[in-house]
């Protein structure tokens, strides 16, 4: 699987097609990832696909943190800055 550079409206559909492979991962580094609300929605589905543990998000940008907090989704993720 290639490195994810964008989680957005523009990439959500193609990433969704790869969900069986993506959702096997329980950790994601968001340091250089462009993310919008569609990307957050994909992360929510990803987190729900790993019910026995939280999806670990590393190097979360301030804009992604703001979206997670705005939508009150922090309980779904383990966030490492």
C-alpha atoms as a PDB file:
ATOM      1  CA  UNK A   1       0.000   0.000   0.000  1.00  0.00           C
ATOM      2  CA  UNK A   2       1.297   3.444  -0.866  1.00  0.00           C
ATOM      3  CA  UNK A   3       1.680   6.245   1.650  1.00  0.00           C
ATOM      4  CA  UNK A   4      -1.437   8.328   2.245  1.00  0.00           C
ATOM      5  CA  UNK A   5      -0.840  12.000   1.480  1.00  0.00           C
ATOM      6  CA  UNK A   6      -4.441  13.211   1.491  1.00  0.00           C
ATOM      7  CA  UNK A   7      -7.636  12.265   3.317  1.00  0.00           C
ATOM      8  CA  UNK A   8     -10.186  14.499   1.676  1.00  0.00           C
ATOM      9  CA  UNK A   9     -13.286  14.718  -0.461  1.00  0.00           C
ATOM     10  CA  UNK A  10     -10.995  14.262  -3.475  1.00  0.00           C
ATOM     11  CA  UNK A  11      -9.487  10.987  -2.219  1.00  0.00           C
ATOM     12  CA  UNK A  12     -12.160   9.466   0.042  1.00  0.00           C
ATOM     13  CA  UNK A  13     -13.832   7.385  -2.686  1.00  0.00           C
ATOM     14  CA  UNK A  14     -10.595   5.819  -3.908  1.00  0.00           C
ATOM     15  CA  UNK A  15      -9.410   5.178  -0.338  1.00  0.00           C
ATOM     16  CA  UNK A  16     -12.778   3.615   0.501  1.00  0.00           C
ATOM     17  CA  UNK A  17     -12.193   1.085  -2.281  1.00  0.00           C
ATOM     18  CA  UNK A  18      -8.969   0.130  -0.463  1.00  0.00           C
ATOM     19  CA  UNK A  19     -10.656  -0.109   2.938  1.00  0.00           C
ATOM     20  CA  UNK A  20     -10.151  -3.852   3.338  1.00  0.00           C
ATOM     21  CA  UNK A  21      -6.397  -3.292   3.210  1.00  0.00           C
ATOM     22  CA  UNK A  22      -6.373   0.090   4.987  1.00  0.00           C
ATOM     23  CA  UNK A  23      -8.537  -0.968   7.897  1.00  0.00           C
ATOM     24  CA  UNK A  24      -6.072  -3.717   8.831  1.00  0.00           C
ATOM     25  CA  UNK A  25      -3.802  -0.951  10.125  1.00  0.00           C
ATOM     26  CA  UNK A  26      -4.393   0.343  13.644  1.00  0.00           C
ATOM     27  CA  UNK A  27      -2.011   3.296  13.423  1.00  0.00           C
ATOM     28  CA  UNK A  28      -1.756   6.227  11.020  1.00  0.00           C
ATOM     29  CA  UNK A  29       0.811   9.032  10.832  1.00  0.00           C
ATOM     30  CA  UNK A  30      -0.927  12.248   9.781  1.00  0.00           C
ATOM     31  CA  UNK A  31       2.140  14.505   9.796  1.00  0.00           C
ATOM     32  CA  UNK A  32       2.146  15.318   6.089  1.00  0.00           C
ATOM     33  CA  UNK A  33      -1.459  14.386   5.332  1.00  0.00           C
ATOM     34  CA  UNK A  34      -3.936  16.949   4.009  1.00  0.00           C
ATOM     35  CA  UNK A  35      -7.258  16.260   5.716  1.00  0.00           C
ATOM     36  CA  UNK A  36     -10.779  17.686   5.570  1.00  0.00           C
ATOM     37  CA  UNK A  37     -14.174  16.657   6.955  1.00  0.00           C
ATOM     38  CA  UNK A  38     -14.530  13.844   4.389  1.00  0.00           C
ATOM     39  CA  UNK A  39     -11.176  12.532   5.568  1.00  0.00           C
ATOM     40  CA  UNK A  40     -12.382  12.678   9.164  1.00  0.00           C
ATOM     41  CA  UNK A  41     -15.474  10.688   8.124  1.00  0.00           C
ATOM     42  CA  UNK A  42     -13.205   8.030   6.616  1.00  0.00           C
ATOM     43  CA  UNK A  43     -11.183   7.933   9.855  1.00  0.00           C
ATOM     44  CA  UNK A  44     -14.420   7.428  11.811  1.00  0.00           C
ATOM     45  CA  UNK A  45     -15.315   4.407   9.665  1.00  0.00           C
ATOM     46  CA  UNK A  46     -11.755   3.147  10.051  1.00  0.00           C
ATOM     47  CA  UNK A  47     -11.946   3.512  13.842  1.00  0.00           C
ATOM     48  CA  UNK A  48     -15.292   1.700  13.941  1.00  0.00           C
ATOM     49  CA  UNK A  49     -13.716  -1.166  11.987  1.00  0.00           C
ATOM     50  CA  UNK A  50     -11.242  -1.700  14.854  1.00  0.00           C
ATOM     51  CA  UNK A  51     -13.688  -2.143  17.765  1.00  0.00           C
ATOM     52  CA  UNK A  52     -11.265  -3.812  20.193  1.00  0.00           C
ATOM     53  CA  UNK A  53      -8.798  -0.931  20.136  1.00  0.00           C
ATOM     54  CA  UNK A  54      -8.708   2.730  19.257  1.00  0.00           C
ATOM     55  CA  UNK A  55      -7.209   3.861  15.984  1.00  0.00           C
ATOM     56  CA  UNK A  56      -3.896   5.523  16.864  1.00  0.00           C
ATOM     57  CA  UNK A  57      -3.302   8.828  15.082  1.00  0.00           C
ATOM     58  CA  UNK A  58       0.265  10.147  15.218  1.00  0.00           C
ATOM     59  CA  UNK A  59       1.539  13.649  14.420  1.00  0.00           C
ATOM     60  CA  UNK A  60      -1.982  15.026  14.128  1.00  0.00           C
ATOM     61  CA  UNK A  61      -2.086  18.504  12.625  1.00  0.00           C
ATOM     62  CA  UNK A  62      -3.874  21.298  14.436  1.00  0.00           C
ATOM     63  CA  UNK A  63      -6.505  21.515  11.693  1.00  0.00           C
ATOM     64  CA  UNK A  64      -7.263  17.783  11.993  1.00  0.00           C
ATOM     65  CA  UNK A  65      -7.430  18.107  15.786  1.00  0.00           C
ATOM     66  CA  UNK A  66      -9.857  20.989  15.402  1.00  0.00           C
ATOM     67  CA  UNK A  67     -12.144  18.868  13.204  1.00  0.00           C
ATOM     68  CA  UNK A  68     -11.973  15.923  15.617  1.00  0.00           C
ATOM     69  CA  UNK A  69     -12.832  18.198  18.543  1.00  0.00           C
ATOM     70  CA  UNK A  70     -15.566  20.071  16.655  1.00  0.00           C
ATOM     71  CA  UNK A  71     -17.316  16.806  15.799  1.00  0.00           C
ATOM     72  CA  UNK A  72     -16.602  15.405  19.304  1.00  0.00           C
ATOM     73  CA  UNK A  73     -14.864  12.327  17.953  1.00  0.00           C
ATOM     74  CA  UNK A  74     -11.901  12.175  20.299  1.00  0.00           C
ATOM     75  CA  UNK A  75     -13.264   9.058  22.008  1.00  0.00           C
ATOM     76  CA  UNK A  76     -12.698   7.054  18.805  1.00  0.00           C
ATOM     77  CA  UNK A  77      -8.984   7.753  18.556  1.00  0.00           C
ATOM     78  CA  UNK A  78      -5.771   7.536  20.519  1.00  0.00           C
ATOM     79  CA  UNK A  79      -4.085  10.788  19.550  1.00  0.00           C
ATOM     80  CA  UNK A  80      -0.313  11.248  19.728  1.00  0.00           C
ATOM     81  CA  UNK A  81       1.002  14.700  18.952  1.00  0.00           C
END
